[in-house]
Each structure stands twice: as C-alpha cells, then as structure tokens.
N, C-alpha and C. Protein backbone atom coordinates (compact mmCIF):
# COMPACT_ATOMS: atom_id res chain seq x y z
N MET A 1 -25.91 -41.25 -98.53
CA MET A 1 -27.05 -42.51 -99.60
C MET A 1 -27.46 -43.64 -98.39
N LEU A 2 -28.70 -43.75 -98.67
CA LEU A 2 -29.28 -44.76 -97.88
C LEU A 2 -28.90 -46.32 -98.87
N THR A 3 -28.84 -47.11 -97.92
CA THR A 3 -28.20 -48.54 -98.61
C THR A 3 -29.84 -49.52 -98.13
N LEU A 4 -30.26 -50.26 -99.02
CA LEU A 4 -31.38 -51.07 -98.87
C LEU A 4 -31.36 -51.47 -97.68
N ASP A 5 -30.06 -52.02 -97.18
CA ASP A 5 -29.79 -52.75 -95.57
C ASP A 5 -30.59 -51.62 -94.37
N ARG A 6 -29.93 -50.71 -94.50
CA ARG A 6 -30.52 -49.22 -93.66
C ARG A 6 -31.79 -49.06 -94.07
N MET A 7 -32.31 -49.33 -95.00
CA MET A 7 -33.95 -48.92 -94.93
C MET A 7 -34.76 -49.81 -94.36
N MET A 8 -34.37 -51.35 -94.86
CA MET A 8 -35.45 -52.01 -94.55
C MET A 8 -35.65 -52.55 -92.95
N ARG A 9 -33.98 -52.46 -92.07
CA ARG A 9 -34.12 -52.70 -90.75
C ARG A 9 -34.71 -51.49 -90.09
N PRO A 10 -35.20 -51.90 -88.74
CA PRO A 10 -35.81 -50.91 -87.86
C PRO A 10 -34.72 -49.79 -87.15
N LYS A 11 -35.07 -48.75 -86.66
CA LYS A 11 -34.12 -47.89 -86.15
C LYS A 11 -33.72 -48.40 -85.11
N ARG A 12 -32.65 -48.10 -84.68
CA ARG A 12 -31.89 -48.30 -83.66
C ARG A 12 -31.69 -47.47 -82.58
N SER A 13 -31.65 -48.03 -81.29
CA SER A 13 -31.38 -46.70 -80.45
C SER A 13 -29.52 -46.04 -80.82
N ARG A 14 -29.68 -44.73 -80.84
CA ARG A 14 -28.23 -43.95 -80.81
C ARG A 14 -27.53 -43.71 -79.48
N THR A 15 -26.49 -43.57 -79.64
CA THR A 15 -25.20 -43.79 -78.28
C THR A 15 -24.77 -42.97 -78.89
N THR A 16 -23.59 -41.90 -77.68
CA THR A 16 -23.20 -40.70 -77.83
C THR A 16 -22.19 -41.42 -78.15
N TYR A 17 -20.77 -41.47 -78.96
CA TYR A 17 -19.47 -41.70 -79.16
C TYR A 17 -18.95 -40.21 -78.72
N ASP A 18 -17.85 -40.85 -77.94
CA ASP A 18 -16.40 -39.57 -77.96
C ASP A 18 -15.35 -39.76 -78.65
N MET A 19 -15.18 -39.01 -79.78
CA MET A 19 -14.40 -39.65 -80.48
C MET A 19 -13.30 -38.68 -80.35
N THR A 20 -11.84 -38.83 -80.61
CA THR A 20 -10.74 -38.12 -81.29
C THR A 20 -10.34 -38.69 -82.34
N ILE A 21 -9.38 -37.29 -82.99
CA ILE A 21 -9.03 -37.54 -84.29
C ILE A 21 -7.51 -37.39 -84.43
N PHE A 22 -6.80 -38.11 -84.78
CA PHE A 22 -5.19 -38.27 -84.71
C PHE A 22 -4.64 -38.06 -85.75
N GLN A 23 -3.52 -37.24 -86.22
CA GLN A 23 -3.25 -37.28 -87.79
C GLN A 23 -1.44 -36.56 -87.40
N THR A 24 -0.48 -37.07 -88.30
CA THR A 24 0.53 -36.91 -88.49
C THR A 24 0.62 -35.34 -88.85
N PRO A 25 1.59 -34.90 -88.58
CA PRO A 25 2.32 -33.54 -88.92
C PRO A 25 2.09 -33.28 -90.47
N SER A 26 2.79 -34.44 -91.34
CA SER A 26 2.89 -34.28 -92.56
C SER A 26 1.73 -35.46 -93.14
N TYR A 27 1.46 -35.39 -94.48
CA TYR A 27 0.75 -36.53 -94.75
C TYR A 27 1.39 -37.65 -95.31
N GLY A 28 0.87 -39.16 -94.90
CA GLY A 28 1.87 -39.89 -95.43
C GLY A 28 2.85 -40.73 -94.46
N GLU A 29 2.62 -39.84 -93.06
CA GLU A 29 3.59 -40.18 -92.30
C GLU A 29 2.95 -41.69 -91.47
N ASP A 30 4.09 -42.60 -90.90
CA ASP A 30 3.34 -44.03 -89.88
C ASP A 30 3.61 -43.30 -88.45
N LYS A 31 4.31 -42.51 -87.96
CA LYS A 31 4.77 -42.16 -86.68
C LYS A 31 4.38 -40.93 -86.33
N GLY A 32 4.29 -40.38 -84.91
CA GLY A 32 4.04 -39.00 -84.81
C GLY A 32 3.03 -38.73 -84.79
N TYR A 33 1.81 -39.32 -85.16
CA TYR A 33 0.31 -38.73 -84.52
C TYR A 33 0.25 -37.99 -83.08
N ARG A 34 -0.60 -36.78 -83.57
CA ARG A 34 -0.77 -36.04 -82.72
C ARG A 34 -2.36 -36.04 -82.52
N ASN A 35 -2.80 -35.43 -81.27
CA ASN A 35 -4.57 -35.70 -80.98
C ASN A 35 -5.06 -33.55 -82.17
N VAL A 36 -5.81 -34.01 -82.92
CA VAL A 36 -6.11 -32.72 -83.38
C VAL A 36 -7.60 -32.45 -83.37
N TYR A 37 -8.59 -33.08 -83.09
CA TYR A 37 -9.35 -32.37 -82.61
C TYR A 37 -10.43 -33.94 -81.65
N ARG A 38 -11.46 -33.20 -81.13
CA ARG A 38 -11.90 -34.00 -80.21
C ARG A 38 -13.69 -33.98 -80.04
N LEU A 39 -14.37 -34.88 -80.34
CA LEU A 39 -16.08 -34.39 -80.33
C LEU A 39 -16.77 -35.55 -80.20
N SER A 40 -18.05 -35.31 -80.02
CA SER A 40 -19.18 -36.06 -79.03
C SER A 40 -20.01 -36.09 -80.88
N ILE A 41 -20.34 -37.67 -81.33
CA ILE A 41 -21.24 -38.00 -82.25
C ILE A 41 -21.96 -38.72 -81.60
N GLU A 42 -23.60 -38.86 -82.00
CA GLU A 42 -24.66 -39.47 -81.60
C GLU A 42 -24.62 -40.44 -83.29
N ALA A 43 -24.71 -41.98 -82.74
CA ALA A 43 -24.97 -42.78 -83.72
C ALA A 43 -24.93 -44.32 -83.22
N GLU A 44 -25.60 -45.16 -84.60
CA GLU A 44 -26.00 -46.26 -83.95
C GLU A 44 -24.70 -47.53 -83.48
N ASP A 45 -23.60 -47.31 -84.03
CA ASP A 45 -22.70 -48.13 -83.94
C ASP A 45 -21.34 -47.53 -84.46
N HIS A 46 -20.70 -48.34 -84.23
CA HIS A 46 -19.13 -47.68 -84.81
C HIS A 46 -18.79 -47.48 -86.15
N ALA A 47 -19.56 -47.83 -87.39
CA ALA A 47 -19.51 -48.21 -88.55
C ALA A 47 -20.09 -46.76 -88.36
N ASP A 48 -21.41 -46.70 -88.08
CA ASP A 48 -22.15 -45.34 -88.40
C ASP A 48 -21.51 -43.59 -87.67
N ALA A 49 -20.72 -43.71 -86.45
CA ALA A 49 -19.74 -43.11 -86.16
C ALA A 49 -18.87 -42.13 -87.19
N LEU A 50 -18.00 -43.84 -87.57
CA LEU A 50 -16.92 -43.38 -88.52
C LEU A 50 -17.63 -43.22 -89.68
N TYR A 51 -18.63 -43.15 -90.20
CA TYR A 51 -18.81 -42.32 -91.65
C TYR A 51 -19.49 -41.10 -91.04
N ARG A 52 -20.50 -40.90 -90.38
CA ARG A 52 -20.58 -39.47 -89.55
C ARG A 52 -19.17 -38.53 -89.51
N THR A 53 -18.41 -39.05 -88.97
CA THR A 53 -16.85 -38.60 -88.39
C THR A 53 -16.13 -38.22 -90.00
N PHE A 54 -16.15 -39.02 -90.91
CA PHE A 54 -15.24 -38.78 -92.09
C PHE A 54 -16.06 -38.07 -93.09
N ARG A 55 -17.47 -38.32 -93.21
CA ARG A 55 -18.44 -37.05 -93.79
C ARG A 55 -18.15 -35.76 -93.16
N MET A 56 -18.06 -35.14 -91.92
CA MET A 56 -18.25 -33.99 -91.54
C MET A 56 -16.75 -33.15 -91.70
N PHE A 57 -15.75 -34.16 -91.86
CA PHE A 57 -14.60 -33.59 -92.04
C PHE A 57 -13.55 -33.90 -93.03
N ASN A 58 -14.47 -33.81 -94.14
CA ASN A 58 -14.15 -34.33 -95.71
C ASN A 58 -15.18 -33.04 -96.44
N VAL A 59 -16.38 -32.67 -96.00
CA VAL A 59 -16.78 -31.85 -96.62
C VAL A 59 -16.70 -30.36 -95.88
N SER A 60 -16.49 -29.46 -96.77
CA SER A 60 -15.71 -28.07 -96.10
C SER A 60 -17.12 -27.12 -94.89
N ASP A 61 -18.29 -27.64 -95.96
CA ASP A 61 -19.17 -26.73 -95.45
C ASP A 61 -19.77 -27.15 -93.67
N LEU A 62 -19.49 -28.74 -93.54
CA LEU A 62 -19.65 -29.42 -91.83
C LEU A 62 -18.29 -29.36 -91.37
N MET A 63 -17.25 -28.77 -91.60
CA MET A 63 -16.38 -28.95 -90.74
C MET A 63 -15.97 -27.94 -89.83
N PRO A 64 -16.22 -28.27 -88.55
CA PRO A 64 -16.18 -27.19 -87.20
C PRO A 64 -15.41 -25.91 -87.52
N LYS A 65 -15.57 -24.94 -87.11
CA LYS A 65 -14.87 -23.67 -87.48
C LYS A 65 -13.67 -23.91 -86.60
N ASP A 66 -13.55 -24.75 -85.65
CA ASP A 66 -11.90 -24.09 -84.72
C ASP A 66 -11.02 -25.93 -85.19
N PHE A 67 -11.89 -26.16 -86.25
CA PHE A 67 -10.49 -27.71 -86.56
C PHE A 67 -9.53 -26.72 -87.10
N ASN A 68 -8.27 -27.13 -86.77
CA ASN A 68 -7.33 -27.03 -87.34
C ASN A 68 -6.29 -27.61 -88.30
N GLY A 69 -6.93 -29.01 -88.40
CA GLY A 69 -6.03 -30.55 -89.03
C GLY A 69 -6.19 -30.30 -90.67
N ARG A 70 -6.30 -30.65 -91.18
CA ARG A 70 -6.37 -31.10 -92.61
C ARG A 70 -7.59 -32.26 -92.60
N TYR A 71 -7.89 -32.10 -94.04
CA TYR A 71 -9.24 -33.51 -94.32
C TYR A 71 -8.52 -34.84 -93.84
N LEU A 72 -9.97 -35.69 -93.47
CA LEU A 72 -9.84 -37.21 -93.31
C LEU A 72 -8.91 -37.71 -94.27
N THR A 73 -7.75 -38.29 -94.14
CA THR A 73 -6.94 -39.40 -95.55
C THR A 73 -6.67 -40.41 -95.01
N SER A 74 -6.13 -41.07 -96.16
CA SER A 74 -5.55 -42.80 -95.54
C SER A 74 -4.59 -42.35 -94.51
N LYS A 75 -4.18 -43.32 -93.77
CA LYS A 75 -3.21 -43.46 -92.42
C LYS A 75 -3.64 -42.87 -91.21
N ASP A 76 -4.71 -41.86 -91.10
CA ASP A 76 -5.24 -41.02 -90.08
C ASP A 76 -5.93 -41.83 -89.19
N ILE A 77 -6.28 -42.07 -87.95
CA ILE A 77 -6.49 -42.82 -86.84
C ILE A 77 -7.65 -41.48 -86.11
N VAL A 78 -8.74 -42.56 -86.11
CA VAL A 78 -10.17 -42.09 -85.21
C VAL A 78 -9.96 -42.91 -84.02
N PHE A 79 -10.13 -42.49 -82.65
CA PHE A 79 -10.44 -43.33 -81.69
C PHE A 79 -11.61 -42.82 -80.79
N ILE A 80 -12.32 -44.10 -80.56
CA ILE A 80 -13.96 -44.04 -79.70
C ILE A 80 -13.58 -44.74 -78.71
N ASP A 81 -13.88 -44.16 -77.61
CA ASP A 81 -13.64 -44.15 -76.16
C ASP A 81 -15.28 -44.26 -75.70
N GLU A 82 -15.45 -45.51 -75.36
CA GLU A 82 -16.96 -45.80 -75.01
C GLU A 82 -17.17 -46.10 -73.06
N GLY A 83 -15.59 -45.37 -72.54
CA GLY A 83 -15.52 -45.73 -71.18
C GLY A 83 -15.43 -46.83 -70.85
N ARG A 84 -16.30 -47.23 -69.73
CA ARG A 84 -16.04 -49.12 -69.26
C ARG A 84 -16.00 -49.72 -70.14
N LYS A 85 -16.77 -49.63 -71.33
CA LYS A 85 -16.56 -50.82 -72.68
C LYS A 85 -15.67 -51.12 -73.40
N GLY A 86 -14.94 -50.04 -73.59
CA GLY A 86 -13.63 -50.10 -74.06
C GLY A 86 -13.10 -48.90 -74.80
N HIS A 87 -11.83 -49.18 -75.37
CA HIS A 87 -11.44 -48.10 -76.12
C HIS A 87 -11.25 -48.58 -77.35
N PHE A 88 -11.54 -47.99 -78.55
CA PHE A 88 -11.24 -48.41 -79.87
C PHE A 88 -10.53 -47.41 -81.08
N TYR A 89 -9.63 -47.84 -81.67
CA TYR A 89 -8.49 -47.36 -82.52
C TYR A 89 -8.85 -47.66 -84.20
N TYR A 90 -9.31 -47.02 -84.80
CA TYR A 90 -9.96 -47.43 -86.37
C TYR A 90 -8.44 -46.50 -87.28
N ARG A 91 -8.30 -46.88 -88.24
CA ARG A 91 -7.17 -46.26 -89.09
C ARG A 91 -8.07 -46.07 -90.49
N LEU A 92 -8.10 -44.99 -91.06
CA LEU A 92 -8.50 -45.20 -92.49
C LEU A 92 -7.32 -46.07 -93.58
N GLN A 93 -7.84 -46.31 -94.26
CA GLN A 93 -7.03 -47.19 -94.99
C GLN A 93 -7.97 -46.94 -97.01
N SER A 94 -7.42 -47.29 -97.73
CA SER A 94 -7.87 -47.48 -98.97
C SER A 94 -8.85 -48.21 -99.09
N ASP A 95 -9.04 -49.19 -98.26
CA ASP A 95 -10.48 -49.60 -98.67
C ASP A 95 -11.55 -49.52 -97.71
N GLY A 96 -11.15 -48.75 -96.57
CA GLY A 96 -12.35 -48.49 -95.52
C GLY A 96 -11.37 -48.10 -93.89
N TRP A 97 -12.28 -48.37 -93.19
CA TRP A 97 -11.60 -48.40 -91.77
C TRP A 97 -11.28 -49.61 -91.34
N ALA A 98 -10.07 -49.70 -90.65
CA ALA A 98 -9.66 -50.70 -90.23
C ALA A 98 -9.05 -50.70 -88.83
N GLN A 99 -9.91 -51.63 -87.47
CA GLN A 99 -9.26 -51.57 -86.37
C GLN A 99 -7.47 -51.95 -86.11
N VAL A 100 -7.07 -51.08 -85.45
CA VAL A 100 -5.93 -51.14 -85.03
C VAL A 100 -5.84 -51.50 -83.15
N ASN A 101 -4.51 -51.53 -83.30
CA ASN A 101 -4.35 -51.92 -81.55
C ASN A 101 -4.10 -50.67 -80.61
N ARG A 102 -3.14 -49.92 -81.50
CA ARG A 102 -2.52 -49.07 -80.66
C ARG A 102 -2.16 -47.56 -81.58
N VAL A 103 -1.68 -46.44 -81.10
CA VAL A 103 -1.58 -44.89 -81.94
C VAL A 103 0.04 -45.14 -81.21
N ILE A 104 0.99 -44.49 -82.17
CA ILE A 104 2.49 -44.19 -81.84
C ILE A 104 2.46 -42.78 -81.61
N LEU A 105 2.36 -42.11 -80.63
CA LEU A 105 2.41 -40.52 -80.60
C LEU A 105 3.55 -40.04 -80.02
N GLN A 106 3.40 -38.71 -80.34
CA GLN A 106 4.75 -38.29 -80.42
C GLN A 106 5.19 -38.16 -79.28
C-alpha cells in the first residue's frame, strides 16, 4: 500500500543492497543467530529495503525456492552491507525494525 508521503514525493534513485538474514534455531531465542539467507535487493533506502525483505519472506508465493528458514518474525535480524558506507544490523521487534549494534553468532 502506498502512503501519501510516497505518492507525493518524486522517485529517488534506487540502490542495490546486499542483505543477509539471521535467525536463531528456535523461535524466540536471543542468542545463537545463524546466517540463513543472503540476497540483493534494489530499494530507495534502508526502510524500503527492509519492507521489501519482510514482504518477500512472509508471503509464501514470493519466498525464494532455496530458502530453508522460517517466516521473518520478532527477534530476527537483517544485516545490510553497504561496503565502505558501513554495515547495519536491524532487528525486527513488535513495533517495527530497530537498529542494533551487533549480532551474537553461534
């Protein structure tokens, strides 16, 4: 659904973001994240890239065939790698995406 804000502003250039999804082995855990899937997404900014990723991995028809994880849920982490521009981690919470400092990997 397009918001009024997106309809009124002119289209910005899109950037290709390198995204990595991290999930824990069991739903609801806080430690032991594993790299589940890596993809490239073309989006306007981080918010748009996170929206597209969430949509892709929560609609079964859009989900890639080689994806072995579960649907994106609370406490899952998405890593955005922009190379020299920086590395960004976002954690899905009940009220949306929140930027976090790092991931505790297994």
